[in-house]
N, C-alpha and C. Protein backbone atom coordinates (compact mmCIF):
# COMPACT_ATOMS: atom_id res chain seq x y z
N MET A 1 10.45 16.76 -8.69
CA MET A 1 9.32 16.12 -8.02
C MET A 1 9.72 15.78 -6.59
N ASP A 2 8.80 16.00 -5.69
CA ASP A 2 9.03 15.70 -4.28
C ASP A 2 8.60 14.25 -4.01
N TRP A 3 9.57 13.34 -3.97
CA TRP A 3 9.27 11.91 -3.79
C TRP A 3 8.70 11.62 -2.42
N ARG A 4 9.07 12.44 -1.44
CA ARG A 4 8.51 12.24 -0.09
C ARG A 4 7.00 12.49 -0.12
N ALA A 5 6.60 13.59 -0.77
CA ALA A 5 5.16 13.89 -0.89
C ALA A 5 4.45 12.77 -1.64
N PHE A 6 5.07 12.29 -2.72
CA PHE A 6 4.48 11.19 -3.48
C PHE A 6 4.27 9.98 -2.59
N GLY A 7 5.28 9.60 -1.83
CA GLY A 7 5.19 8.43 -0.95
C GLY A 7 4.13 8.58 0.12
N ILE A 8 4.07 9.74 0.74
CA ILE A 8 3.09 9.98 1.80
C ILE A 8 1.67 9.92 1.24
N ILE A 9 1.44 10.61 0.12
CA ILE A 9 0.10 10.62 -0.48
C ILE A 9 -0.25 9.23 -0.99
N PHE A 10 0.69 8.55 -1.61
CA PHE A 10 0.44 7.20 -2.12
C PHE A 10 0.02 6.26 -1.00
N LEU A 11 0.75 6.26 0.09
CA LEU A 11 0.41 5.38 1.21
C LEU A 11 -0.90 5.79 1.87
N ALA A 12 -1.16 7.09 1.97
CA ALA A 12 -2.40 7.55 2.59
C ALA A 12 -3.62 7.18 1.76
N GLU A 13 -3.46 7.13 0.45
CA GLU A 13 -4.59 6.84 -0.43
C GLU A 13 -4.85 5.34 -0.61
N MET A 14 -3.90 4.51 -0.24
CA MET A 14 -4.08 3.06 -0.41
C MET A 14 -5.20 2.56 0.49
N GLY A 15 -6.21 1.96 -0.11
CA GLY A 15 -7.26 1.32 0.67
C GLY A 15 -8.28 2.27 1.27
N ASP A 16 -8.28 3.53 0.87
CA ASP A 16 -9.27 4.44 1.44
C ASP A 16 -10.60 4.33 0.68
N LYS A 17 -11.58 5.09 1.12
CA LYS A 17 -12.91 5.02 0.50
C LYS A 17 -12.87 5.38 -0.98
N THR A 18 -12.00 6.30 -1.36
CA THR A 18 -11.92 6.71 -2.76
C THR A 18 -11.46 5.56 -3.63
N GLN A 19 -10.45 4.84 -3.18
CA GLN A 19 -9.95 3.71 -3.96
C GLN A 19 -11.01 2.61 -4.06
N ILE A 20 -11.71 2.36 -2.99
CA ILE A 20 -12.77 1.35 -3.02
C ILE A 20 -13.89 1.79 -3.96
N ALA A 21 -14.23 3.08 -3.94
CA ALA A 21 -15.25 3.59 -4.85
C ALA A 21 -14.80 3.46 -6.30
N ALA A 22 -13.54 3.75 -6.58
CA ALA A 22 -13.02 3.61 -7.94
C ALA A 22 -13.06 2.16 -8.40
N MET A 23 -12.71 1.23 -7.52
CA MET A 23 -12.77 -0.19 -7.88
C MET A 23 -14.20 -0.61 -8.18
N THR A 24 -15.13 -0.15 -7.36
CA THR A 24 -16.54 -0.50 -7.57
C THR A 24 -17.06 0.08 -8.88
N MET A 25 -16.73 1.34 -9.14
CA MET A 25 -17.19 1.97 -10.38
C MET A 25 -16.60 1.30 -11.60
N ALA A 26 -15.33 0.94 -11.54
CA ALA A 26 -14.69 0.26 -12.67
C ALA A 26 -15.34 -1.10 -12.93
N ALA A 27 -15.69 -1.79 -11.87
CA ALA A 27 -16.34 -3.10 -12.02
C ALA A 27 -17.75 -2.94 -12.59
N GLU A 28 -18.47 -1.93 -12.15
CA GLU A 28 -19.85 -1.72 -12.61
C GLU A 28 -19.92 -1.24 -14.05
N LYS A 29 -19.09 -0.29 -14.41
CA LYS A 29 -19.18 0.36 -15.71
C LYS A 29 -18.47 -0.39 -16.81
N LYS A 30 -17.56 -1.27 -16.45
CA LYS A 30 -16.77 -2.00 -17.44
C LYS A 30 -15.97 -1.06 -18.35
N ARG A 31 -15.67 0.11 -17.84
CA ARG A 31 -14.86 1.10 -18.58
C ARG A 31 -13.78 1.61 -17.64
N PRO A 32 -12.79 0.79 -17.38
CA PRO A 32 -11.80 1.17 -16.37
C PRO A 32 -11.00 2.42 -16.72
N TRP A 33 -10.75 2.67 -17.99
CA TRP A 33 -9.96 3.86 -18.34
C TRP A 33 -10.73 5.14 -18.04
N GLU A 34 -12.03 5.13 -18.25
CA GLU A 34 -12.83 6.31 -17.93
C GLU A 34 -12.82 6.57 -16.43
N VAL A 35 -12.96 5.51 -15.65
CA VAL A 35 -12.92 5.65 -14.20
C VAL A 35 -11.54 6.12 -13.75
N PHE A 36 -10.50 5.55 -14.33
CA PHE A 36 -9.13 5.95 -13.99
C PHE A 36 -8.89 7.43 -14.28
N ILE A 37 -9.32 7.88 -15.44
CA ILE A 37 -9.12 9.29 -15.80
C ILE A 37 -9.92 10.20 -14.87
N GLY A 38 -11.19 9.84 -14.62
CA GLY A 38 -12.01 10.64 -13.72
C GLY A 38 -11.44 10.70 -12.31
N ALA A 39 -11.03 9.54 -11.80
CA ALA A 39 -10.47 9.49 -10.44
C ALA A 39 -9.15 10.26 -10.38
N SER A 40 -8.35 10.16 -11.41
CA SER A 40 -7.07 10.88 -11.45
C SER A 40 -7.28 12.38 -11.46
N LEU A 41 -8.22 12.83 -12.30
CA LEU A 41 -8.50 14.27 -12.35
C LEU A 41 -9.05 14.78 -11.03
N ALA A 42 -9.90 13.97 -10.40
CA ALA A 42 -10.45 14.37 -9.09
C ALA A 42 -9.33 14.48 -8.05
N LEU A 43 -8.41 13.52 -8.04
CA LEU A 43 -7.31 13.57 -7.08
C LEU A 43 -6.41 14.77 -7.34
N VAL A 44 -6.16 15.07 -8.61
CA VAL A 44 -5.35 16.24 -8.95
C VAL A 44 -6.04 17.52 -8.46
N ALA A 45 -7.35 17.62 -8.69
CA ALA A 45 -8.09 18.82 -8.27
C ALA A 45 -8.06 18.98 -6.75
N VAL A 46 -8.31 17.90 -6.02
CA VAL A 46 -8.32 17.96 -4.56
C VAL A 46 -6.92 18.28 -4.04
N SER A 47 -5.91 17.68 -4.65
CA SER A 47 -4.53 17.95 -4.22
C SER A 47 -4.16 19.40 -4.48
N ALA A 48 -4.58 19.94 -5.63
CA ALA A 48 -4.29 21.34 -5.94
C ALA A 48 -4.93 22.27 -4.91
N ILE A 49 -6.17 21.98 -4.54
CA ILE A 49 -6.84 22.78 -3.51
C ILE A 49 -6.06 22.70 -2.20
N GLY A 50 -5.65 21.51 -1.82
CA GLY A 50 -4.88 21.34 -0.59
C GLY A 50 -3.57 22.09 -0.60
N VAL A 51 -2.87 22.04 -1.72
CA VAL A 51 -1.59 22.75 -1.84
C VAL A 51 -1.80 24.26 -1.78
N ILE A 52 -2.80 24.74 -2.48
CA ILE A 52 -3.07 26.19 -2.49
C ILE A 52 -3.47 26.67 -1.10
N VAL A 53 -4.41 25.96 -0.47
CA VAL A 53 -4.86 26.36 0.87
C VAL A 53 -3.70 26.28 1.86
N GLY A 54 -2.91 25.21 1.78
CA GLY A 54 -1.76 25.07 2.68
C GLY A 54 -0.73 26.17 2.51
N SER A 55 -0.46 26.54 1.26
CA SER A 55 0.53 27.59 1.05
C SER A 55 0.01 28.96 1.49
N VAL A 56 -1.29 29.21 1.32
CA VAL A 56 -1.86 30.48 1.79
C VAL A 56 -1.87 30.51 3.33
N LEU A 57 -2.34 29.42 3.94
CA LEU A 57 -2.37 29.37 5.41
C LEU A 57 -0.99 29.53 6.02
N SER A 58 0.02 28.98 5.35
CA SER A 58 1.38 29.06 5.91
C SER A 58 1.91 30.49 5.95
N GLN A 59 1.29 31.38 5.19
CA GLN A 59 1.70 32.79 5.23
C GLN A 59 1.13 33.51 6.46
N TYR A 60 0.05 32.94 7.03
CA TYR A 60 -0.63 33.62 8.13
C TYR A 60 -0.56 32.88 9.46
N LEU A 61 -0.35 31.57 9.42
CA LEU A 61 -0.35 30.76 10.63
C LEU A 61 0.96 30.00 10.77
N PRO A 62 1.40 29.77 12.01
CA PRO A 62 2.59 28.95 12.22
C PRO A 62 2.31 27.49 11.81
N LEU A 63 3.34 26.82 11.33
CA LEU A 63 3.22 25.44 10.88
C LEU A 63 2.68 24.54 11.98
N ASP A 64 3.08 24.77 13.22
CA ASP A 64 2.58 23.95 14.34
C ASP A 64 1.06 24.00 14.44
N TRP A 65 0.47 25.17 14.23
CA TRP A 65 -0.99 25.30 14.31
C TRP A 65 -1.68 24.60 13.14
N ILE A 66 -1.09 24.70 11.97
CA ILE A 66 -1.64 24.01 10.80
C ILE A 66 -1.63 22.49 11.03
N LYS A 67 -0.53 22.00 11.58
CA LYS A 67 -0.45 20.56 11.88
C LYS A 67 -1.46 20.14 12.94
N ARG A 68 -1.64 20.97 13.95
CA ARG A 68 -2.61 20.65 15.01
C ARG A 68 -4.03 20.61 14.47
N VAL A 69 -4.37 21.58 13.66
CA VAL A 69 -5.72 21.61 13.08
C VAL A 69 -5.92 20.40 12.16
N ALA A 70 -4.93 20.08 11.35
CA ALA A 70 -5.03 18.92 10.47
C ALA A 70 -5.18 17.63 11.29
N GLY A 71 -4.40 17.51 12.35
CA GLY A 71 -4.51 16.34 13.22
C GLY A 71 -5.86 16.24 13.88
N ALA A 72 -6.38 17.36 14.34
CA ALA A 72 -7.71 17.36 14.96
C ALA A 72 -8.78 16.99 13.94
N ALA A 73 -8.64 17.49 12.71
CA ALA A 73 -9.60 17.14 11.66
C ALA A 73 -9.59 15.64 11.38
N PHE A 74 -8.41 15.04 11.34
CA PHE A 74 -8.32 13.59 11.13
C PHE A 74 -9.00 12.83 12.27
N ILE A 75 -8.78 13.28 13.49
CA ILE A 75 -9.40 12.62 14.64
C ILE A 75 -10.92 12.74 14.58
N ILE A 76 -11.39 13.94 14.28
CA ILE A 76 -12.84 14.15 14.19
C ILE A 76 -13.45 13.30 13.09
N ILE A 77 -12.84 13.28 11.93
CA ILE A 77 -13.34 12.46 10.83
C ILE A 77 -13.31 10.98 11.22
N GLY A 78 -12.25 10.55 11.88
CA GLY A 78 -12.15 9.15 12.32
C GLY A 78 -13.27 8.77 13.28
N VAL A 79 -13.55 9.65 14.23
CA VAL A 79 -14.63 9.39 15.17
C VAL A 79 -15.98 9.35 14.44
N LEU A 80 -16.19 10.29 13.52
CA LEU A 80 -17.44 10.30 12.75
C LEU A 80 -17.60 9.03 11.91
N VAL A 81 -16.50 8.55 11.35
CA VAL A 81 -16.56 7.30 10.58
C VAL A 81 -16.90 6.14 11.51
N LEU A 82 -16.29 6.10 12.68
CA LEU A 82 -16.55 5.01 13.62
C LEU A 82 -18.00 4.98 14.09
N ILE A 83 -18.61 6.14 14.26
CA ILE A 83 -20.00 6.16 14.74
C ILE A 83 -21.00 6.20 13.58
N GLY A 84 -20.50 6.12 12.37
CA GLY A 84 -21.37 6.03 11.20
C GLY A 84 -22.00 7.33 10.75
N LYS A 85 -21.41 8.44 11.10
CA LYS A 85 -21.96 9.76 10.71
C LYS A 85 -21.23 10.36 9.52
N PHE A 86 -20.23 9.69 8.99
CA PHE A 86 -19.45 10.24 7.86
C PHE A 86 -19.36 9.22 6.77
């Protein structure tokens, strides 16, 4: 297991919209295990897509470009969140 990846993803996911949505759903439904399982499966699916896309892109693009595009995407999403469009 890559503990560095675990730490980075764990810290990135703390306090994000997904975690807040999971807390809200668990409070509303009164079935925390169902919400936990659903949220866990969703995170696994999204992570798998990210790993697959990243490994495919790394065969065709230099790592520097992948990092730049990812950084730009974060900035764009951040701006959209700030102006209420995301």
